[in-house]
Amino acid sequence: MAAAPRDRMARVRVDERTWREFRQAVGMQSIAERLGELVARDVAAHRRRQLRAGELDAHEVVDALTQARELSRDLDEITARLEAVAAAGAPSVAAPLAGPGRSGPLTVPSRVEGR
């Protein structure tokens, strides 16, 4: 189980226009949360590279397997929902997927980083 998140300090170096667009893209989500997601995504990508290179220890492999199973379940839910929408011929999805971590229609939990 992952440790509880805690605040970290960092500076972001981008031009003013890029920062304004980022703030607009983030919307109502806090900058700290969004930057945390970006950090987690980069760490997940790093771990995938380590896994491909055979550089993970046994504990890290078990963690990766657990995450892969969770992602597989999430993708199964999304696939089933998309298949139902396609079978009904409906162009839009009004009902969100059930379960924790869902913030709207066809969303993927935040733990799905680096995809």
Protein backbone atom coordinates (compact mmCIF):
# COMPACT_ATOMS: atom_id res chain seq x y z
CA MET A 1 0.00 0.00 0.00
CA ALA A 2 1.28 3.43 -0.91
CA ALA A 3 2.12 5.94 1.77
CA ALA A 4 -0.21 8.89 2.24
CA PRO A 5 0.65 11.85 0.01
CA ARG A 6 2.28 14.83 1.63
CA ASP A 7 3.14 18.31 0.43
CA ARG A 8 6.43 18.96 -1.37
CA MET A 9 7.89 22.21 -2.62
CA ALA A 10 8.94 22.72 -6.22
CA ARG A 11 9.39 25.58 -8.65
CA VAL A 12 8.04 25.40 -12.15
CA ARG A 13 9.95 27.18 -14.92
CA VAL A 14 7.79 27.99 -17.92
CA ASP A 15 6.91 31.16 -19.80
CA GLU A 16 3.87 33.18 -18.70
CA ARG A 17 1.67 32.09 -21.61
CA THR A 18 2.33 28.40 -20.98
CA TRP A 19 1.57 28.83 -17.27
CA ARG A 20 -1.72 30.64 -18.02
CA GLU A 21 -2.77 27.88 -20.43
CA PHE A 22 -1.82 25.21 -17.90
CA ARG A 23 -3.88 26.96 -15.20
CA GLN A 24 -6.81 27.14 -17.59
CA ALA A 25 -6.43 23.47 -18.56
CA VAL A 26 -6.33 22.42 -14.90
CA GLY A 27 -9.62 24.19 -14.22
CA MET A 28 -10.93 23.77 -10.68
CA GLN A 29 -8.37 21.12 -9.71
CA SER A 30 -5.64 22.39 -7.42
CA ILE A 31 -2.24 22.96 -8.99
CA ALA A 32 -0.68 20.82 -6.24
CA GLU A 33 -2.93 17.88 -7.12
CA ARG A 34 -2.28 18.20 -10.85
CA LEU A 35 1.48 18.49 -10.43
CA GLY A 36 1.31 15.47 -8.11
CA GLU A 37 -0.42 13.53 -10.89
CA LEU A 38 2.32 14.56 -13.34
CA VAL A 39 5.03 13.43 -10.91
CA ALA A 40 3.25 10.10 -10.32
CA ARG A 41 2.90 9.61 -14.11
CA ASP A 42 6.63 10.17 -14.62
CA VAL A 43 7.48 7.74 -11.80
CA ALA A 44 5.15 5.13 -13.32
CA ALA A 45 6.86 5.55 -16.70
CA HIS A 46 10.25 5.16 -15.01
CA ARG A 47 9.08 1.96 -13.30
CA ARG A 48 7.80 0.56 -16.61
CA ARG A 49 11.22 1.17 -18.15
CA GLN A 50 12.84 -0.57 -15.17
CA LEU A 51 10.44 -3.52 -15.52
CA ARG A 52 11.21 -3.88 -19.24
CA ALA A 53 14.93 -3.79 -18.44
CA GLY A 54 14.55 -6.41 -15.69
CA GLU A 55 15.70 -3.97 -12.99
CA LEU A 56 12.90 -4.41 -10.42
CA ASP A 57 13.26 -6.36 -7.19
CA ALA A 58 10.72 -9.00 -6.14
CA HIS A 59 8.63 -6.55 -4.09
CA GLU A 60 8.46 -4.08 -6.97
CA VAL A 61 7.40 -6.86 -9.34
CA VAL A 62 4.54 -7.83 -6.99
CA ASP A 63 3.46 -4.16 -6.80
CA ALA A 64 3.57 -3.89 -10.60
CA LEU A 65 1.49 -7.05 -10.93
CA THR A 66 -1.10 -5.67 -8.49
CA GLN A 67 -1.30 -2.43 -10.46
CA ALA A 68 -1.60 -4.36 -13.73
CA ARG A 69 -4.54 -6.32 -12.35
CA GLU A 70 -6.26 -3.11 -11.19
CA LEU A 71 -5.71 -1.52 -14.59
CA SER A 72 -7.06 -4.62 -16.30
CA ARG A 73 -10.27 -4.42 -14.24
CA ASP A 74 -10.61 -0.71 -15.02
CA LEU A 75 -10.11 -1.34 -18.73
CA ASP A 76 -12.65 -4.19 -18.66
CA GLU A 77 -15.22 -1.77 -17.18
CA ILE A 78 -14.45 0.89 -19.78
CA THR A 79 -14.55 -1.65 -22.61
CA ALA A 80 -17.91 -3.03 -21.46
CA ARG A 81 -19.33 0.50 -21.27
CA LEU A 82 -18.04 1.41 -24.73
CA GLU A 83 -19.41 -1.83 -26.18
CA ALA A 84 -22.82 -1.09 -24.65
CA VAL A 85 -22.80 2.43 -26.08
CA ALA A 86 -21.72 1.16 -29.49
CA ALA A 87 -24.39 -1.57 -29.47
CA ALA A 88 -27.05 1.01 -28.60
CA GLY A 89 -25.81 3.31 -31.35
CA ALA A 90 -25.62 6.21 -28.92
CA PRO A 91 -23.02 8.89 -29.73
CA SER A 92 -22.65 10.08 -26.13
CA VAL A 93 -22.20 8.65 -22.67
CA ALA A 94 -24.29 10.29 -19.98
CA ALA A 95 -23.76 7.91 -17.04
CA PRO A 96 -20.37 7.71 -15.35
CA LEU A 97 -18.76 4.40 -14.59
CA ALA A 98 -19.47 3.10 -11.12
CA GLY A 99 -16.84 2.97 -8.42
CA PRO A 100 -14.40 5.12 -6.51
CA GLY A 101 -12.08 7.50 -8.28
CA ARG A 102 -14.52 8.27 -11.07
CA SER A 103 -15.12 11.96 -11.70
CA GLY A 104 -17.31 11.81 -14.79
CA PRO A 105 -18.26 9.84 -17.88
CA LEU A 106 -15.65 7.34 -19.02
CA THR A 107 -12.97 8.52 -16.68
CA VAL A 108 -10.03 6.45 -15.56
CA PRO A 109 -8.85 6.56 -11.94
CA SER A 110 -5.93 8.82 -11.22
CA ARG A 111 -3.73 5.83 -10.39
CA VAL A 112 -3.58 5.14 -14.14
CA GLU A 113 -0.54 7.26 -14.76
CA GLY A 114 1.79 7.39 -17.64
CA ARG A 115 -0.51 6.03 -20.28
